[in-house]
Amino acid sequence: MPTEINSVLDLKLESLTINEIDAIEEITGQPLDALKKPGTKRGPMLRAMAYVVMKRKHPDFSVEDAGNLQLKFSTASTADPTEPSA
């Protein structure tokens, strides 16, 4: 993996383009919603997702490079008002 690339990926699913979703499904051979199905291997899907997102800024980024990233998942959920604040 090129040294100038941050090794933590902030993956926001809502930011994927149609072409990126198509690439993920092409790489994995399964639909994107397979990520939510119980018993489905997550690694190939996450690697493909990391690959397409990193290609945005780093055209030479490879699928193999994606395997070396740490993932930071972000969700678009709102805070639960019943939860105590920190």
PDB file of N, CA and C in Angstrom:
ATOM      1  N   MET A   1       0.856  -1.176   0.000  1.00  0.00           N
ATOM      2  CA  MET A   1       0.000   0.000   0.000  1.00  0.00           C
ATOM      3  C   MET A   1       0.899   1.235   0.000  1.00  0.00           C
ATOM      4  N   PRO A   2       0.598   2.216  -0.835  1.00  0.00           N
ATOM      5  CA  PRO A   2       1.405   3.434  -0.846  1.00  0.00           C
ATOM      6  C   PRO A   2       1.453   4.089   0.529  1.00  0.00           C
ATOM      7  N   THR A   3       2.608   4.629   0.903  1.00  0.00           N
ATOM      8  CA  THR A   3       2.788   5.163   2.252  1.00  0.00           C
ATOM      9  C   THR A   3       1.984   6.421   2.533  1.00  0.00           C
ATOM     10  N   GLU A   4       1.595   7.186   1.516  1.00  0.00           N
ATOM     11  CA  GLU A   4       0.860   8.426   1.763  1.00  0.00           C
ATOM     12  C   GLU A   4      -0.618   8.202   2.050  1.00  0.00           C
ATOM     13  N   ILE A   5      -1.067   6.970   2.036  1.00  0.00           N
ATOM     14  CA  ILE A   5      -2.477   6.663   2.260  1.00  0.00           C
ATOM     15  C   ILE A   5      -2.724   6.403   3.739  1.00  0.00           C
ATOM     16  N   ASN A   6      -3.739   7.056   4.287  1.00  0.00           N
ATOM     17  CA  ASN A   6      -4.169   6.818   5.665  1.00  0.00           C
ATOM     18  C   ASN A   6      -4.648   5.379   5.768  1.00  0.00           C
ATOM     19  N   SER A   7      -4.256   4.648   6.790  1.00  0.00           N
ATOM     20  CA  SER A   7      -4.606   3.240   6.906  1.00  0.00           C
ATOM     21  C   SER A   7      -5.952   2.993   7.568  1.00  0.00           C
ATOM     22  N   VAL A   8      -6.697   4.052   7.927  1.00  0.00           N
ATOM     23  CA  VAL A   8      -8.029   3.901   8.494  1.00  0.00           C
ATOM     24  C   VAL A   8      -9.023   4.461   7.487  1.00  0.00           C
ATOM     25  N   LEU A   9     -10.014   3.664   7.142  1.00  0.00           N
ATOM     26  CA  LEU A   9     -11.008   4.058   6.154  1.00  0.00           C
ATOM     27  C   LEU A   9     -12.320   4.361   6.844  1.00  0.00           C
ATOM     28  N   ASP A  10     -12.815   5.566   6.637  1.00  0.00           N
ATOM     29  CA  ASP A  10     -14.117   5.962   7.161  1.00  0.00           C
ATOM     30  C   ASP A  10     -15.134   5.639   6.076  1.00  0.00           C
ATOM     31  N   LEU A  11     -15.850   4.557   6.252  1.00  0.00           N
ATOM     32  CA  LEU A  11     -16.739   4.030   5.220  1.00  0.00           C
ATOM     33  C   LEU A  11     -18.172   4.478   5.460  1.00  0.00           C
ATOM     34  N   LYS A  12     -18.665   5.351   4.589  1.00  0.00           N
ATOM     35  CA  LYS A  12     -20.036   5.844   4.673  1.00  0.00           C
ATOM     36  C   LYS A  12     -20.820   5.236   3.521  1.00  0.00           C
ATOM     37  N   LEU A  13     -21.662   4.290   3.826  1.00  0.00           N
ATOM     38  CA  LEU A  13     -22.379   3.558   2.787  1.00  0.00           C
ATOM     39  C   LEU A  13     -23.264   4.455   1.944  1.00  0.00           C
ATOM     40  N   GLU A  14     -23.811   5.500   2.531  1.00  0.00           N
ATOM     41  CA  GLU A  14     -24.718   6.373   1.793  1.00  0.00           C
ATOM     42  C   GLU A  14     -23.988   7.225   0.757  1.00  0.00           C
ATOM     43  N   SER A  15     -22.659   7.215   0.755  1.00  0.00           N
ATOM     44  CA  SER A  15     -21.913   8.043  -0.184  1.00  0.00           C
ATOM     45  C   SER A  15     -21.473   7.294  -1.439  1.00  0.00           C
ATOM     46  N   LEU A  16     -21.823   6.027  -1.566  1.00  0.00           N
ATOM     47  CA  LEU A  16     -21.413   5.253  -2.738  1.00  0.00           C
ATOM     48  C   LEU A  16     -22.170   5.688  -3.984  1.00  0.00           C
ATOM     49  N   THR A  17     -21.451   5.750  -5.110  1.00  0.00           N
ATOM     50  CA  THR A  17     -22.094   6.047  -6.385  1.00  0.00           C
ATOM     51  C   THR A  17     -22.654   4.754  -6.977  1.00  0.00           C
ATOM     52  N   ILE A  18     -23.472   4.904  -7.992  1.00  0.00           N
ATOM     53  CA  ILE A  18     -24.018   3.724  -8.671  1.00  0.00           C
ATOM     54  C   ILE A  18     -22.881   2.909  -9.285  1.00  0.00           C
ATOM     55  N   ASN A  19     -21.911   3.577  -9.893  1.00  0.00           N
ATOM     56  CA  ASN A  19     -20.771   2.860 -10.469  1.00  0.00           C
ATOM     57  C   ASN A  19     -19.980   2.110  -9.407  1.00  0.00           C
ATOM     58  N   GLU A  20     -19.834   2.704  -8.221  1.00  0.00           N
ATOM     59  CA  GLU A  20     -19.108   2.031  -7.144  1.00  0.00           C
ATOM     60  C   GLU A  20     -19.878   0.814  -6.642  1.00  0.00           C
ATOM     61  N   ILE A  21     -21.188   0.937  -6.527  1.00  0.00           N
ATOM     62  CA  ILE A  21     -22.002  -0.211  -6.118  1.00  0.00           C
ATOM     63  C   ILE A  21     -21.882  -1.319  -7.157  1.00  0.00           C
ATOM     64  N   ASP A  22     -21.925  -0.951  -8.432  1.00  0.00           N
ATOM     65  CA  ASP A  22     -21.772  -1.932  -9.502  1.00  0.00           C
ATOM     66  C   ASP A  22     -20.415  -2.626  -9.412  1.00  0.00           C
ATOM     67  N   ALA A  23     -19.352  -1.852  -9.142  1.00  0.00           N
ATOM     68  CA  ALA A  23     -18.015  -2.431  -9.016  1.00  0.00           C
ATOM     69  C   ALA A  23     -17.928  -3.384  -7.834  1.00  0.00           C
ATOM     70  N   ILE A  24     -18.521  -3.016  -6.712  1.00  0.00           N
ATOM     71  CA  ILE A  24     -18.532  -3.883  -5.527  1.00  0.00           C
ATOM     72  C   ILE A  24     -19.216  -5.198  -5.851  1.00  0.00           C
ATOM     73  N   GLU A  25     -20.364  -5.121  -6.495  1.00  0.00           N
ATOM     74  CA  GLU A  25     -21.109  -6.334  -6.839  1.00  0.00           C
ATOM     75  C   GLU A  25     -20.358  -7.168  -7.870  1.00  0.00           C
ATOM     76  N   GLU A  26     -19.651  -6.521  -8.781  1.00  0.00           N
ATOM     77  CA  GLU A  26     -18.856  -7.229  -9.787  1.00  0.00           C
ATOM     78  C   GLU A  26     -17.686  -7.958  -9.127  1.00  0.00           C
ATOM     79  N   ILE A  27     -16.992  -7.279  -8.232  1.00  0.00           N
ATOM     80  CA  ILE A  27     -15.834  -7.864  -7.549  1.00  0.00           C
ATOM     81  C   ILE A  27     -16.246  -9.052  -6.679  1.00  0.00           C
ATOM     82  N   THR A  28     -17.344  -8.896  -5.939  1.00  0.00           N
ATOM     83  CA  THR A  28     -17.749  -9.937  -4.986  1.00  0.00           C
ATOM     84  C   THR A  28     -18.631 -11.009  -5.601  1.00  0.00           C
ATOM     85  N   GLY A  29     -19.293 -10.680  -6.706  1.00  0.00           N
ATOM     86  CA  GLY A  29     -20.212 -11.645  -7.313  1.00  0.00           C
ATOM     87  C   GLY A  29     -21.507 -11.789  -6.544  1.00  0.00           C
ATOM     88  N   GLN A  30     -21.827 -10.807  -5.703  1.00  0.00           N
ATOM     89  CA  GLN A  30     -23.066 -10.850  -4.932  1.00  0.00           C
ATOM     90  C   GLN A  30     -23.645  -9.450  -4.781  1.00  0.00           C
ATOM     91  N   PRO A  31     -24.938  -9.340  -4.505  1.00  0.00           N
ATOM     92  CA  PRO A  31     -25.552  -8.023  -4.354  1.00  0.00           C
ATOM     93  C   PRO A  31     -25.067  -7.329  -3.083  1.00  0.00           C
ATOM     94  N   LEU A  32     -25.096  -6.003  -3.107  1.00  0.00           N
ATOM     95  CA  LEU A  32     -24.640  -5.206  -1.962  1.00  0.00           C
ATOM     96  C   LEU A  32     -25.412  -5.548  -0.691  1.00  0.00           C
ATOM     97  N   ASP A  33     -26.696  -5.821  -0.803  1.00  0.00           N
ATOM     98  CA  ASP A  33     -27.482  -6.117   0.397  1.00  0.00           C
ATOM     99  C   ASP A  33     -27.118  -7.458   1.023  1.00  0.00           C
ATOM    100  N   ALA A  34     -26.258  -8.249   0.380  1.00  0.00           N
ATOM    101  CA  ALA A  34     -25.787  -9.501   0.985  1.00  0.00           C
ATOM    102  C   ALA A  34     -25.006  -9.223   2.264  1.00  0.00           C
ATOM    103  N   LEU A  35     -24.471  -8.014   2.403  1.00  0.00           N
ATOM    104  CA  LEU A  35     -23.724  -7.639   3.605  1.00  0.00           C
ATOM    105  C   LEU A  35     -24.582  -7.757   4.854  1.00  0.00           C
ATOM    106  N   LYS A  36     -25.901  -7.584   4.706  1.00  0.00           N
ATOM    107  CA  LYS A  36     -26.809  -7.618   5.848  1.00  0.00           C
ATOM    108  C   LYS A  36     -27.314  -9.026   6.173  1.00  0.00           C
ATOM    109  N   LYS A  37     -27.100  -9.980   5.289  1.00  0.00           N
ATOM    110  CA  LYS A  37     -27.641 -11.328   5.480  1.00  0.00           C
ATOM    111  C   LYS A  37     -26.812 -12.119   6.485  1.00  0.00           C
ATOM    112  N   PRO A  38     -27.465 -12.745   7.457  1.00  0.00           N
ATOM    113  CA  PRO A  38     -26.741 -13.566   8.428  1.00  0.00           C
ATOM    114  C   PRO A  38     -25.987 -14.701   7.732  1.00  0.00           C
ATOM    115  N   GLY A  39     -24.781 -14.962   8.188  1.00  0.00           N
ATOM    116  CA  GLY A  39     -23.989 -16.055   7.659  1.00  0.00           C
ATOM    117  C   GLY A  39     -23.182 -15.706   6.423  1.00  0.00           C
ATOM    118  N   THR A  40     -23.337 -14.499   5.902  1.00  0.00           N
ATOM    119  CA  THR A  40     -22.585 -14.083   4.721  1.00  0.00           C
ATOM    120  C   THR A  40     -21.187 -13.638   5.132  1.00  0.00           C
ATOM    121  N   LYS A  41     -20.182 -14.066   4.375  1.00  0.00           N
ATOM    122  CA  LYS A  41     -18.821 -13.612   4.634  1.00  0.00           C
ATOM    123  C   LYS A  41     -18.753 -12.116   4.407  1.00  0.00           C
ATOM    124  N   ARG A  42     -18.192 -11.393   5.348  1.00  0.00           N
ATOM    125  CA  ARG A  42     -18.115  -9.944   5.264  1.00  0.00           C
ATOM    126  C   ARG A  42     -16.821  -9.460   4.597  1.00  0.00           C
ATOM    127  N   GLY A  43     -15.762 -10.223   4.716  1.00  0.00           N
ATOM    128  CA  GLY A  43     -14.457  -9.804   4.214  1.00  0.00           C
ATOM    129  C   GLY A  43     -14.436  -9.412   2.748  1.00  0.00           C
ATOM    130  N   PRO A  44     -14.910 -10.271   1.837  1.00  0.00           N
ATOM    131  CA  PRO A  44     -14.870  -9.899   0.414  1.00  0.00           C
ATOM    132  C   PRO A  44     -15.668  -8.630   0.110  1.00  0.00           C
ATOM    133  N   MET A  45     -16.818  -8.467   0.738  1.00  0.00           N
ATOM    134  CA  MET A  45     -17.637  -7.285   0.498  1.00  0.00           C
ATOM    135  C   MET A  45     -16.949  -6.035   1.052  1.00  0.00           C
ATOM    136  N   LEU A  46     -16.394  -6.125   2.241  1.00  0.00           N
ATOM    137  CA  LEU A  46     -15.709  -4.975   2.835  1.00  0.00           C
ATOM    138  C   LEU A  46     -14.460  -4.594   2.053  1.00  0.00           C
ATOM    139  N   ARG A  47     -13.731  -5.587   1.583  1.00  0.00           N
ATOM    140  CA  ARG A  47     -12.536  -5.319   0.763  1.00  0.00           C
ATOM    141  C   ARG A  47     -12.934  -4.581  -0.510  1.00  0.00           C
ATOM    142  N   ALA A  48     -13.996  -5.035  -1.173  1.00  0.00           N
ATOM    143  CA  ALA A  48     -14.464  -4.391  -2.400  1.00  0.00           C
ATOM    144  C   ALA A  48     -14.937  -2.967  -2.128  1.00  0.00           C
ATOM    145  N   MET A  49     -15.633  -2.766  -1.024  1.00  0.00           N
ATOM    146  CA  MET A  49     -16.118  -1.432  -0.671  1.00  0.00           C
ATOM    147  C   MET A  49     -14.937  -0.500  -0.384  1.00  0.00           C
ATOM    148  N   ALA A  50     -13.969  -0.976   0.347  1.00  0.00           N
ATOM    149  CA  ALA A  50     -12.789  -0.164   0.647  1.00  0.00           C
ATOM    150  C   ALA A  50     -12.056   0.185  -0.643  1.00  0.00           C
ATOM    151  N   TYR A  51     -11.958  -0.769  -1.531  1.00  0.00           N
ATOM    152  CA  TYR A  51     -11.280  -0.543  -2.806  1.00  0.00           C
ATOM    153  C   TYR A  51     -11.930   0.582  -3.605  1.00  0.00           C
ATOM    154  N   VAL A  52     -13.243   0.530  -3.789  1.00  0.00           N
ATOM    155  CA  VAL A  52     -13.893   1.552  -4.624  1.00  0.00           C
ATOM    156  C   VAL A  52     -13.829   2.933  -3.982  1.00  0.00           C
ATOM    157  N   VAL A  53     -13.923   3.004  -2.670  1.00  0.00           N
ATOM    158  CA  VAL A  53     -13.859   4.300  -1.992  1.00  0.00           C
ATOM    159  C   VAL A  53     -12.442   4.883  -2.081  1.00  0.00           C
ATOM    160  N   MET A  54     -11.436   4.075  -1.881  1.00  0.00           N
ATOM    161  CA  MET A  54     -10.054   4.569  -1.929  1.00  0.00           C
ATOM    162  C   MET A  54      -9.628   4.946  -3.341  1.00  0.00           C
ATOM    163  N   LYS A  55     -10.214   4.323  -4.356  1.00  0.00           N
ATOM    164  CA  LYS A  55      -9.892   4.659  -5.747  1.00  0.00           C
ATOM    165  C   LYS A  55     -10.271   6.101  -6.071  1.00  0.00           C
ATOM    166  N   ARG A  56     -11.164   6.692  -5.297  1.00  0.00           N
ATOM    167  CA  ARG A  56     -11.564   8.083  -5.534  1.00  0.00           C
ATOM    168  C   ARG A  56     -10.361   9.017  -5.488  1.00  0.00           C
ATOM    169  N   LYS A  57      -9.498   8.835  -4.513  1.00  0.00           N
ATOM    170  CA  LYS A  57      -8.351   9.730  -4.319  1.00  0.00           C
ATOM    171  C   LYS A  57      -7.027   9.120  -4.747  1.00  0.00           C
ATOM    172  N   HIS A  58      -6.987   7.807  -4.874  1.00  0.00           N
ATOM    173  CA  HIS A  58      -5.738   7.116  -5.170  1.00  0.00           C
ATOM    174  C   HIS A  58      -5.965   6.147  -6.332  1.00  0.00           C
ATOM    175  N   PRO A  59      -5.823   6.615  -7.576  1.00  0.00           N
ATOM    176  CA  PRO A  59      -6.118   5.787  -8.750  1.00  0.00           C
ATOM    177  C   PRO A  59      -5.312   4.492  -8.830  1.00  0.00           C
ATOM    178  N   ASP A  60      -4.133   4.455  -8.222  1.00  0.00           N
ATOM    179  CA  ASP A  60      -3.301   3.248  -8.270  1.00  0.00           C
ATOM    180  C   ASP A  60      -3.617   2.261  -7.153  1.00  0.00           C
ATOM    181  N   PHE A  61      -4.580   2.586  -6.310  1.00  0.00           N
ATOM    182  CA  PHE A  61      -4.960   1.724  -5.189  1.00  0.00           C
ATOM    183  C   PHE A  61      -5.499   0.402  -5.728  1.00  0.00           C
ATOM    184  N   SER A  62      -5.098  -0.714  -5.125  1.00  0.00           N
ATOM    185  CA  SER A  62      -5.515  -2.036  -5.613  1.00  0.00           C
ATOM    186  C   SER A  62      -6.434  -2.736  -4.619  1.00  0.00           C
ATOM    187  N   VAL A  63      -7.094  -3.769  -5.100  1.00  0.00           N
ATOM    188  CA  VAL A  63      -7.949  -4.590  -4.229  1.00  0.00           C
ATOM    189  C   VAL A  63      -7.093  -5.200  -3.117  1.00  0.00           C
ATOM    190  N   GLU A  64      -5.862  -5.579  -3.444  1.00  0.00           N
ATOM    191  CA  GLU A  64      -4.953  -6.145  -2.442  1.00  0.00           C
ATOM    192  C   GLU A  64      -4.611  -5.115  -1.368  1.00  0.00           C
ATOM    193  N   ASP A  65      -4.425  -3.851  -1.767  1.00  0.00           N
ATOM    194  CA  ASP A  65      -4.157  -2.782  -0.796  1.00  0.00           C
ATOM    195  C   ASP A  65      -5.307  -2.641   0.192  1.00  0.00           C
ATOM    196  N   ALA A  66      -6.507  -2.844  -0.279  1.00  0.00           N
ATOM    197  CA  ALA A  66      -7.693  -2.682   0.569  1.00  0.00           C
ATOM    198  C   ALA A  66      -7.667  -3.630   1.761  1.00  0.00           C
ATOM    199  N   GLY A  67      -7.062  -4.774   1.604  1.00  0.00           N
ATOM    200  CA  GLY A  67      -6.986  -5.741   2.699  1.00  0.00           C
ATOM    201  C   GLY A  67      -6.156  -5.277   3.877  1.00  0.00           C
ATOM    202  N   ASN A  68      -5.340  -4.245   3.689  1.00  0.00           N
ATOM    203  CA  ASN A  68      -4.491  -3.738   4.759  1.00  0.00           C
ATOM    204  C   ASN A  68      -5.083  -2.562   5.512  1.00  0.00           C
ATOM    205  N   LEU A  69      -6.291  -2.158   5.158  1.00  0.00           N
ATOM    206  CA  LEU A  69      -6.923  -1.013   5.813  1.00  0.00           C
ATOM    207  C   LEU A  69      -7.674  -1.429   7.071  1.00  0.00           C
ATOM    208  N   GLN A  70      -7.759  -0.510   8.008  1.00  0.00           N
ATOM    209  CA  GLN A  70      -8.648  -0.661   9.155  1.00  0.00           C
ATOM    210  C   GLN A  70      -9.926   0.079   8.794  1.00  0.00           C
ATOM    211  N   LEU A  71     -11.056  -0.460   9.179  1.00  0.00           N
ATOM    212  CA  LEU A  71     -12.327   0.163   8.845  1.00  0.00           C
ATOM    213  C   LEU A  71     -12.900   0.919  10.029  1.00  0.00           C
ATOM    214  N   LYS A  72     -13.474   2.082   9.744  1.00  0.00           N
ATOM    215  CA  LYS A  72     -14.204   2.859  10.741  1.00  0.00           C
ATOM    216  C   LYS A  72     -15.592   3.062  10.155  1.00  0.00           C
ATOM    217  N   PHE A  73     -16.583   2.417  10.728  1.00  0.00           N
ATOM    218  CA  PHE A  73     -17.928   2.495  10.195  1.00  0.00           C
ATOM    219  C   PHE A  73     -18.655   3.712  10.734  1.00  0.00           C
ATOM    220  N   SER A  74     -19.330   4.408   9.841  1.00  0.00           N
ATOM    221  CA  SER A  74     -20.156   5.555  10.203  1.00  0.00           C
ATOM    222  C   SER A  74     -21.579   5.234   9.812  1.00  0.00           C
ATOM    223  N   THR A  75     -22.504   5.641  10.666  1.00  0.00           N
ATOM    224  CA  THR A  75     -23.916   5.445  10.342  1.00  0.00           C
ATOM    225  C   THR A  75     -24.605   6.799  10.353  1.00  0.00           C
ATOM    226  N   ALA A  76     -25.690   6.878   9.647  1.00  0.00           N
ATOM    227  CA  ALA A  76     -26.443   8.121   9.572  1.00  0.00           C
ATOM    228  C   ALA A  76     -27.595   8.116  10.577  1.00  0.00           C
ATOM    229  N   SER A  77     -27.416   7.399  11.671  1.00  0.00           N
ATOM    230  CA  SER A  77     -28.501   7.303  12.660  1.00  0.00           C
ATOM    231  C   SER A  77     -28.503   8.515  13.575  1.00  0.00           C
ATOM    232  N   THR A  78     -29.649   8.769  14.146  1.00  0.00           N
ATOM    233  CA  THR A  78     -29.761   9.872  15.097  1.00  0.00           C
ATOM    234  C   THR A  78     -29.580   9.341  16.497  1.00  0.00           C
ATOM    235  N   ALA A  79     -29.187  10.198  17.400  1.00  0.00           N
ATOM    236  CA  ALA A  79     -28.971   9.803  18.783  1.00  0.00           C
ATOM    237  C   ALA A  79     -30.285   9.411  19.451  1.00  0.00           C
ATOM    238  N   ASP A  80     -30.212   8.430  20.322  1.00  0.00           N
ATOM    239  CA  ASP A  80     -31.372   7.979  21.084  1.00  0.00           C
ATOM    240  C   ASP A  80     -31.566   8.937  22.256  1.00  0.00           C
ATOM    241  N   PRO A  81     -32.695   9.671  22.289  1.00  0.00           N
ATOM    242  CA  PRO A  81     -32.891  10.649  23.371  1.00  0.00           C
ATOM    243  C   PRO A  81     -33.048  10.008  24.730  1.00  0.00           C
ATOM    244  N   THR A  82     -33.278   8.697  24.798  1.00  0.00           N
ATOM    245  CA  THR A  82     -33.423   8.034  26.095  1.00  0.00           C
ATOM    246  C   THR A  82     -32.080   7.579  26.664  1.00  0.00           C
ATOM    247  N   GLU A  83     -31.013   7.633  25.844  1.00  0.00           N
ATOM    248  CA  GLU A  83     -29.701   7.232  26.308  1.00  0.00           C
ATOM    249  C   GLU A  83     -29.073   8.334  27.151  1.00  0.00           C
ATOM    250  N   PRO A  84     -28.410   7.978  28.257  1.00  0.00           N
ATOM    251  CA  PRO A  84     -27.720   9.003  29.034  1.00  0.00           C
ATOM    252  C   PRO A  84     -26.569   9.585  28.227  1.00  0.00           C
ATOM    253  N   SER A  85     -26.332  10.863  28.357  1.00  0.00           N
ATOM    254  CA  SER A  85     -25.222  11.482  27.623  1.00  0.00           C
ATOM    255  C   SER A  85     -23.915  11.227  28.347  1.00  0.00           C
ATOM    256  N   ALA A  86     -22.826  11.241  27.588  1.00  0.00           N
ATOM    257  CA  ALA A  86     -21.507  10.947  28.163  1.00  0.00           C
ATOM    258  C   ALA A  86     -20.931  12.155  28.854  1.00  0.00           C
TER     259      ALA A  86
END
